[in-house]
Amino acid sequence: MKVLLISKAFPYPPIDGEVLPTYHILRGLAPKIEFHLATLRPTSDAAFEEGRRVFEQWGVRTHAVRRVDVGKLAQAWRCLRGGRFWVNRFYSPELGALVEDLLRRENFDVVQGESIFGAQHLPRRTSCPHLLMIRDCISMSHRRRFRLERSLRQWIQWRKIQWMESTLLGHCDLALAISPVDQARLRRIRPGVEIEVLPNGVDIEALKPAPDKEKPDTVVFSGAMSAPANFDAAIYMAREVWPAVRRRVRGARLLLVGRDPTDEVRALAGDASITVTGTVVDMGDWLARAAVIVSPLRFGSGLKNKVLEGAAMGKAMVVTPLSLEGIDLEPGREIEVVDATGAFADRVAELLLDRDRRERLGRAARRAVEQCYTWGAMTERLYQFYEKLASGG
């Protein structure tokens, strides 16, 4: 089987949620499938060459072009001229031209768009089945943020992205959402389109419990700190929740772990009990230090890799209900779910003071991800979708 996979982000190195699924799709299914990866080159030539060599070893053929960066008005014109009326900064005419050239030269059994931002580079109609790996319902995240902030900008973003999702869903033969919550919302946005659920996985071999590395009274929140939902959660945790935790656990420390922290997030390190790491080489090593892992997200969509990673590490976790959407972990037995600010702080402090409770939650969470959330299970199910599309189903 021959698959063209279109991704605006080069899926290497596999260090964040945007590229992890694509990386593991290629890694897991390359023995069965001839993949052609159409993508944009990253800014680092060294990272591109290293990733290309890895993919070549797997049998993946990489086709990459450089993005030409232009100003906002020029980008708007490029989108409009290319028929992308929902103007966005991720559209690249260079990638669109590469995709059209590959479709002319090669015969594919399936063409796959990675997210709406990758799929927008496809022609409206293709001669082979089109799979949209839509994953998150991004408009739902903007809708939630609008309800939190009540800003005109977020209302415009919500409506624009929803229009984009609806249009691209209408062009595909099958769409895959990351969770039942996202699936339900996308079905309301574009009724009649076949939308199935394909959850993310977690690398349970790379992420394992390491109790000898745990630091007492240490709390970790992880994620790309430039992503709006993550930097909002980091600021909320530090300013609204953390002072109450510190009143109960005097020696507690908060680690905000993840790349590209905004200036506002960096400023949180002015509190001596808070560390902002920036980019880290080994996320598992930093997660291992946690006595408790938190995910205080207040808006967003999709399935949260940070929760699966914490569970794989066998950690006790305190999360908001939104952070757990689409993940089958049982509150109270495998994870703690709390919404209100004061209650969130109380639960974190209680776990810091109760080692036995932490260990029970961590063991139960690890068992759950071993049973349900491996990358192997995800890629095997995806292969079944490929077969269905390639056979005309």
Protein backbone atom coordinates (compact mmCIF):
# COMPACT_ATOMS: atom_id res chain seq x y z
CA MET A 1 0.00 0.00 0.00
CA LYS A 2 1.20 3.48 -0.90
CA VAL A 3 0.25 6.50 1.24
CA LEU A 4 0.96 10.20 0.75
CA LEU A 5 1.10 11.88 4.16
CA ILE A 6 0.98 15.69 4.23
CA SER A 7 2.21 17.48 7.35
CA LYS A 8 2.99 21.18 7.74
CA ALA A 9 5.33 20.26 10.63
CA PHE A 10 8.36 18.06 10.01
CA PRO A 11 7.75 15.16 12.44
CA TYR A 12 11.20 15.07 14.00
CA PRO A 13 12.46 15.18 16.69
CA PRO A 14 9.40 13.69 18.42
CA ILE A 15 9.30 16.11 21.34
CA ASP A 16 5.78 17.52 21.41
CA GLY A 17 2.16 16.64 20.82
CA GLU A 18 2.02 18.22 17.35
CA VAL A 19 4.45 15.75 15.77
CA LEU A 20 4.41 12.73 18.10
CA PRO A 21 1.45 10.98 16.39
CA THR A 22 2.89 11.49 12.89
CA TYR A 23 6.29 10.20 14.01
CA HIS A 24 4.75 7.06 15.51
CA ILE A 25 2.51 6.46 12.49
CA LEU A 26 5.57 6.42 10.25
CA ARG A 27 7.60 4.36 12.70
CA GLY A 28 4.87 1.79 13.35
CA LEU A 29 3.49 1.30 9.83
CA ALA A 30 6.53 1.81 7.58
CA PRO A 31 7.17 -1.98 7.50
CA LYS A 32 3.71 -2.44 5.91
CA ILE A 33 3.27 0.76 3.91
CA GLU A 34 5.27 2.78 1.39
CA PHE A 35 4.99 6.25 2.90
CA HIS A 36 5.72 9.46 1.01
CA LEU A 37 6.00 12.36 3.48
CA ALA A 38 5.27 15.82 2.05
CA THR A 39 6.29 18.47 4.52
CA LEU A 40 8.01 21.78 5.22
CA ARG A 41 11.67 21.81 6.17
CA PRO A 42 12.30 22.89 9.77
CA THR A 43 14.48 25.92 10.45
CA SER A 44 17.28 23.64 11.68
CA ASP A 45 19.04 21.91 8.77
CA ALA A 46 20.70 19.52 11.25
CA ALA A 47 17.31 18.40 12.62
CA PHE A 48 15.99 17.91 9.09
CA GLU A 49 18.96 15.82 7.95
CA GLU A 50 18.87 13.69 11.09
CA GLY A 51 15.13 13.11 10.75
CA ARG A 52 15.38 12.36 7.03
CA ARG A 53 18.06 9.73 7.72
CA VAL A 54 15.87 8.11 10.37
CA PHE A 55 12.89 8.05 8.01
CA GLU A 56 14.98 6.63 5.16
CA GLN A 57 16.08 3.78 7.41
CA TRP A 58 12.39 2.98 7.92
CA GLY A 59 11.73 3.16 4.17
CA VAL A 60 9.88 6.50 4.26
CA ARG A 61 10.48 8.81 1.28
CA THR A 62 10.73 12.43 2.41
CA HIS A 63 9.75 15.31 0.11
CA ALA A 64 10.32 18.72 1.70
CA VAL A 65 10.26 22.34 0.63
CA ARG A 66 11.29 25.50 2.42
CA ARG A 67 8.59 27.83 3.58
CA VAL A 68 8.81 31.38 2.27
CA ASP A 69 7.91 33.73 5.12
CA VAL A 70 6.10 36.93 4.19
CA GLY A 71 4.27 39.70 6.00
CA LYS A 72 0.67 39.44 7.19
CA LEU A 73 -0.89 41.18 4.19
CA ALA A 74 1.19 39.16 1.73
CA GLN A 75 0.23 35.95 3.53
CA ALA A 76 -3.44 36.90 3.36
CA TRP A 77 -3.08 37.45 -0.39
CA ARG A 78 -1.31 34.07 -0.81
CA CYS A 79 -4.19 32.34 0.98
CA LEU A 80 -6.88 34.11 -1.03
CA ARG A 81 -5.09 33.53 -4.32
CA GLY A 82 -4.79 29.82 -3.42
CA GLY A 83 -8.51 29.55 -2.64
CA ARG A 84 -7.95 29.38 1.15
CA PHE A 85 -10.45 32.06 2.13
CA TRP A 86 -10.08 31.29 5.84
CA VAL A 87 -6.75 33.19 5.87
CA ASN A 88 -4.19 31.59 8.18
CA ARG A 89 -0.45 31.76 8.76
CA PHE A 90 0.11 28.02 8.19
CA TYR A 91 -0.75 27.90 4.50
CA SER A 92 2.31 27.46 2.26
CA PRO A 93 1.91 27.68 -1.54
CA GLU A 94 5.25 25.91 -1.81
CA LEU A 95 3.92 22.87 0.06
CA GLY A 96 0.69 22.98 -1.96
CA ALA A 97 2.68 22.90 -5.21
CA LEU A 98 4.78 19.98 -3.93
CA VAL A 99 1.62 18.00 -3.10
CA GLU A 100 0.09 18.64 -6.52
CA ASP A 101 3.33 17.56 -8.22
CA LEU A 102 3.46 14.31 -6.22
CA LEU A 103 -0.17 13.54 -7.04
CA ARG A 104 0.58 14.01 -10.76
CA ARG A 105 3.70 11.82 -10.72
CA GLU A 106 2.72 9.01 -8.34
CA ASN A 107 -0.26 6.73 -7.83
CA PHE A 108 -1.32 6.55 -4.19
CA ASP A 109 -3.82 4.27 -2.49
CA VAL A 110 -4.58 6.85 0.23
CA VAL A 111 -3.69 10.50 0.71
CA GLN A 112 -3.65 11.68 4.33
CA GLY A 113 -3.81 15.27 5.58
CA GLU A 114 -2.30 15.75 9.04
CA SER A 115 -4.65 18.21 10.78
CA ILE A 116 -6.62 20.88 8.95
CA PHE A 117 -3.39 22.88 8.57
CA GLY A 118 -1.77 20.04 6.61
CA ALA A 119 -4.95 19.05 4.74
CA GLN A 120 -5.48 22.58 3.40
CA HIS A 121 -2.58 21.91 1.00
CA LEU A 122 -4.56 19.26 -0.86
CA PRO A 123 -6.46 20.02 -4.05
CA ARG A 124 -10.21 20.03 -3.50
CA ARG A 125 -10.61 16.73 -5.31
CA THR A 126 -8.14 13.85 -5.58
CA SER A 127 -8.31 10.65 -7.59
CA CYS A 128 -7.51 8.54 -4.52
CA PRO A 129 -9.30 8.32 -1.15
CA HIS A 130 -8.64 11.22 1.20
CA LEU A 131 -8.18 10.65 4.93
CA LEU A 132 -8.29 13.74 7.15
CA MET A 133 -6.46 13.14 10.41
CA ILE A 134 -8.29 16.02 12.04
CA ARG A 135 -7.63 14.99 15.65
CA ASP A 136 -8.61 18.03 17.76
CA CYS A 137 -11.68 20.10 17.04
CA ILE A 138 -9.68 23.33 17.12
CA SER A 139 -12.73 25.55 16.83
CA MET A 140 -14.03 24.05 20.09
CA SER A 141 -10.87 25.23 21.83
CA HIS A 142 -11.35 28.77 20.50
CA ARG A 143 -15.01 28.64 21.49
CA ARG A 144 -14.05 27.74 25.04
CA ARG A 145 -11.40 30.45 25.14
CA PHE A 146 -13.94 32.99 23.89
CA ARG A 147 -16.30 32.02 26.71
CA LEU A 148 -13.45 32.53 29.17
CA GLU A 149 -12.15 35.83 27.79
CA ARG A 150 -15.17 37.27 25.92
CA SER A 151 -12.86 38.88 23.35
CA LEU A 152 -13.85 39.74 19.77
CA ARG A 153 -10.57 38.27 18.52
CA GLN A 154 -11.40 34.85 19.96
CA TRP A 155 -14.92 35.00 18.52
CA ILE A 156 -13.47 35.66 15.05
CA GLN A 157 -10.92 32.85 15.47
CA TRP A 158 -13.62 30.43 16.60
CA ARG A 159 -15.84 31.18 13.60
CA LYS A 160 -12.98 31.22 11.09
CA ILE A 161 -11.55 27.88 12.21
CA GLN A 162 -15.02 26.32 12.33
CA TRP A 163 -15.56 27.40 8.70
CA MET A 164 -12.19 25.87 7.79
CA GLU A 165 -13.00 22.60 9.58
CA SER A 166 -16.41 22.35 7.93
CA THR A 167 -15.00 22.97 4.45
CA LEU A 168 -12.13 20.48 4.73
CA LEU A 169 -14.33 17.83 6.29
CA GLY A 170 -16.55 18.14 3.24
CA HIS A 171 -13.59 17.30 0.98
CA CYS A 172 -12.52 14.07 2.71
CA ASP A 173 -13.73 10.48 2.50
CA LEU A 174 -13.02 9.73 6.16
CA ALA A 175 -11.98 11.87 9.13
CA LEU A 176 -10.37 10.64 12.35
CA ALA A 177 -10.92 12.56 15.60
CA ILE A 178 -8.82 12.07 18.69
CA SER A 179 -11.67 11.62 21.18
CA PRO A 180 -15.46 11.06 21.30
CA VAL A 181 -15.88 14.67 22.51
CA ASP A 182 -14.09 16.04 19.44
CA GLN A 183 -15.94 13.57 17.20
CA ALA A 184 -19.34 14.72 18.47
CA ARG A 185 -18.51 18.39 17.97
CA LEU A 186 -17.13 17.82 14.46
CA ARG A 187 -20.25 15.88 13.50
CA ARG A 188 -22.33 18.88 14.50
CA ILE A 189 -20.09 21.17 12.45
CA ARG A 190 -20.32 18.98 9.32
CA PRO A 191 -23.21 16.46 9.45
CA GLY A 192 -23.07 13.52 7.08
CA VAL A 193 -19.28 13.11 7.00
CA GLU A 194 -17.90 9.79 8.28
CA ILE A 195 -15.88 10.64 11.41
CA GLU A 196 -14.31 7.90 13.54
CA VAL A 197 -12.21 8.03 16.71
CA LEU A 198 -8.49 7.25 16.79
CA PRO A 199 -6.90 8.20 20.14
CA ASN A 200 -3.23 9.00 20.61
CA GLY A 201 -0.88 6.57 22.25
CA VAL A 202 2.06 6.80 24.61
CA ASP A 203 5.49 5.16 24.45
CA ILE A 204 5.28 2.91 27.50
CA GLU A 205 8.82 1.61 26.92
CA ALA A 206 10.42 5.05 26.91
CA LEU A 207 8.24 6.39 29.71
CA LYS A 208 8.40 4.12 32.75
CA PRO A 209 8.05 4.65 36.49
CA ALA A 210 11.36 5.71 38.07
CA PRO A 211 10.60 6.09 41.79
CA ASP A 212 14.28 6.60 42.68
CA LYS A 213 14.25 9.92 40.76
CA GLU A 214 11.21 11.37 42.54
CA LYS A 215 11.77 14.62 44.44
CA PRO A 216 9.60 15.12 47.54
CA ASP A 217 7.08 17.97 47.42
CA THR A 218 7.69 18.56 43.69
CA VAL A 219 4.81 19.36 41.34
CA VAL A 220 5.21 19.33 37.53
CA PHE A 221 3.15 20.87 34.75
CA SER A 222 4.43 20.08 31.24
CA GLY A 223 3.68 21.24 27.72
CA ALA A 224 4.73 23.65 24.99
CA MET A 225 4.61 26.91 26.91
CA SER A 226 3.92 28.97 23.81
CA ALA A 227 0.60 27.19 23.20
CA PRO A 228 -2.23 29.43 24.49
CA ALA A 229 -3.95 26.72 26.53
CA ASN A 230 -0.66 25.76 28.20
CA PHE A 231 0.63 29.21 29.06
CA ASP A 232 -2.82 30.16 30.38
CA ALA A 233 -2.76 27.03 32.57
CA ALA A 234 0.79 27.74 33.76
CA ILE A 235 -0.12 31.30 34.79
CA TYR A 236 -3.36 30.14 36.41
CA MET A 237 -1.51 27.43 38.34
CA ALA A 238 1.24 29.77 39.54
CA ARG A 239 -0.94 32.72 40.48
CA GLU A 240 -4.26 31.24 41.57
CA VAL A 241 -3.50 27.71 42.80
CA TRP A 242 0.13 27.61 43.91
CA PRO A 243 -0.03 30.09 46.84
CA ALA A 244 -2.65 27.90 48.55
CA VAL A 245 -0.52 24.77 48.00
CA ARG A 246 2.50 26.53 49.52
CA ARG A 247 0.55 27.52 52.62
CA ARG A 248 -0.07 23.84 53.34
CA VAL A 249 3.25 22.41 52.08
CA ARG A 250 5.96 24.96 52.84
CA GLY A 251 8.75 23.26 50.92
CA ALA A 252 6.74 22.59 47.77
CA ARG A 253 8.29 23.36 44.38
CA LEU A 254 6.56 23.85 41.03
CA LEU A 255 8.33 22.94 37.76
CA LEU A 256 6.89 24.39 34.53
CA VAL A 257 8.51 22.15 31.92
CA GLY A 258 8.31 22.79 28.19
CA ARG A 259 9.69 24.67 25.24
CA ASP A 260 9.23 28.29 24.21
CA PRO A 261 7.84 29.82 27.41
CA THR A 262 6.34 33.26 26.87
CA ASP A 263 7.77 36.25 28.71
CA GLU A 264 4.81 36.10 31.10
CA VAL A 265 5.55 32.46 31.90
CA ARG A 266 9.27 33.16 32.37
CA ALA A 267 8.38 35.92 34.82
CA LEU A 268 6.71 33.33 37.08
CA ALA A 269 10.21 32.14 38.05
CA GLY A 270 10.47 35.33 40.10
CA ASP A 271 8.89 33.18 42.81
CA ALA A 272 11.76 31.17 44.29
CA SER A 273 9.53 28.08 44.55
CA ILE A 274 8.82 28.04 40.79
CA THR A 275 11.19 26.85 38.04
CA VAL A 276 10.60 27.52 34.33
CA THR A 277 12.81 25.13 32.34
CA GLY A 278 12.32 26.04 28.69
CA THR A 279 13.26 23.27 26.23
CA VAL A 280 14.40 20.01 27.83
CA VAL A 281 16.21 17.09 26.22
CA ASP A 282 14.42 14.30 28.08
CA MET A 283 10.86 15.03 29.19
CA GLY A 284 10.68 11.66 30.96
CA ASP A 285 13.55 12.65 33.24
CA TRP A 286 11.69 15.80 34.35
CA LEU A 287 8.39 13.99 34.81
CA ALA A 288 10.19 11.41 36.95
CA ARG A 289 11.05 14.16 39.45
CA ALA A 290 7.38 14.85 40.18
CA ALA A 291 5.63 13.72 43.31
CA VAL A 292 2.44 15.04 41.69
CA ILE A 293 1.74 15.97 38.06
CA VAL A 294 -0.92 18.58 37.32
CA SER A 295 -2.88 19.66 34.25
CA PRO A 296 -4.94 22.76 35.15
CA LEU A 297 -6.14 23.49 31.58
CA ARG A 298 -9.09 25.88 31.34
CA PHE A 299 -9.67 25.66 27.57
CA GLY A 300 -8.48 23.51 24.70
CA SER A 301 -9.59 20.45 22.76
CA GLY A 302 -8.38 16.99 21.88
CA LEU A 303 -6.70 14.31 23.95
CA LYS A 304 -3.93 15.52 26.25
CA ASN A 305 -0.62 13.70 25.76
CA LYS A 306 0.65 15.19 29.02
CA VAL A 307 -1.96 13.15 30.92
CA LEU A 308 -1.07 9.91 29.12
CA GLU A 309 2.63 10.58 29.74
CA GLY A 310 2.05 11.17 33.44
CA ALA A 311 0.05 7.96 33.67
CA ALA A 312 2.79 6.03 31.85
CA MET A 313 5.29 7.35 34.40
CA GLY A 314 3.09 5.97 37.18
CA LYS A 315 2.46 9.39 38.69
CA ALA A 316 -0.39 10.68 40.81
CA MET A 317 -2.14 13.41 38.84
CA VAL A 318 -4.57 16.23 39.56
CA VAL A 319 -6.32 17.55 36.46
CA THR A 320 -9.29 19.64 35.40
CA PRO A 321 -12.24 17.84 33.73
CA LEU A 322 -11.24 19.32 30.37
CA SER A 323 -7.75 17.78 30.69
CA LEU A 324 -9.29 14.31 30.97
CA GLU A 325 -11.66 14.56 27.99
CA GLY A 326 -11.42 11.46 25.82
CA ILE A 327 -9.12 9.57 28.20
CA ASP A 328 -10.48 6.51 29.97
CA LEU A 329 -8.95 6.97 33.42
CA GLU A 330 -11.25 6.55 36.40
CA PRO A 331 -11.47 9.59 38.72
CA GLY A 332 -10.63 8.74 42.30
CA ARG A 333 -8.99 5.43 41.41
CA GLU A 334 -6.51 6.27 38.64
CA ILE A 335 -6.51 10.08 38.66
CA GLU A 336 -7.88 13.05 40.64
CA VAL A 337 -10.23 15.40 38.76
CA VAL A 338 -11.00 18.81 40.27
CA ASP A 339 -12.29 22.05 38.76
CA ALA A 340 -12.49 24.86 41.34
CA THR A 341 -9.29 26.75 42.19
CA GLY A 342 -9.40 26.14 45.95
CA ALA A 343 -10.34 22.48 45.58
CA PHE A 344 -7.52 21.97 43.06
CA ALA A 345 -4.96 23.37 45.50
CA ASP A 346 -6.34 21.25 48.34
CA ARG A 347 -6.09 18.03 46.29
CA VAL A 348 -2.51 18.76 45.21
CA ALA A 349 -1.48 19.48 48.82
CA GLU A 350 -3.23 16.35 50.12
CA LEU A 351 -1.35 14.17 47.65
CA LEU A 352 1.98 15.78 48.45
CA LEU A 353 1.36 14.84 52.09
CA ASP A 354 0.08 11.29 51.39
CA ARG A 355 2.70 9.08 49.73
CA ASP A 356 0.61 5.89 49.91
CA ARG A 357 -2.27 7.56 48.08
CA ARG A 358 0.10 8.87 45.41
CA GLU A 359 1.57 5.44 44.81
CA ARG A 360 -1.85 3.75 44.52
CA LEU A 361 -3.03 6.29 41.96
CA GLY A 362 0.21 6.01 39.99
CA ARG A 363 0.16 2.21 39.80
CA ALA A 364 -3.47 2.19 38.66
CA ALA A 365 -2.82 4.86 36.00
CA ARG A 366 0.15 2.94 34.62
CA ARG A 367 -1.93 -0.25 34.28
CA ALA A 368 -4.64 1.68 32.41
CA VAL A 369 -2.31 3.07 29.74
CA GLU A 370 -0.63 -0.31 29.28
CA GLN A 371 -4.01 -1.80 28.43
CA CYS A 372 -5.50 0.93 26.23
CA TYR A 373 -3.06 3.60 25.07
CA THR A 374 -0.02 2.18 23.30
CA TRP A 375 1.17 3.53 19.95
CA GLY A 376 1.08 -0.01 18.61
CA ALA A 377 -2.66 -0.26 19.21
CA MET A 378 -3.20 3.12 17.55
CA THR A 379 -1.22 2.33 14.41
CA GLU A 380 -2.83 -1.08 13.99
CA ARG A 381 -6.28 0.52 14.02
CA LEU A 382 -5.11 3.17 11.55
CA TYR A 383 -3.91 0.43 9.22
CA GLN A 384 -7.43 -1.00 9.22
CA PHE A 385 -8.77 2.41 8.15
CA TYR A 386 -6.18 2.53 5.34
CA GLU A 387 -7.30 -0.89 4.12
CA LYS A 388 -10.93 0.14 4.20
CA LEU A 389 -10.29 3.29 2.14
CA ALA A 390 -7.94 1.61 -0.33
CA SER A 391 -10.49 -1.12 -1.02
CA GLY A 392 -13.23 1.42 -1.72
CA GLY A 393 -14.98 1.06 1.63
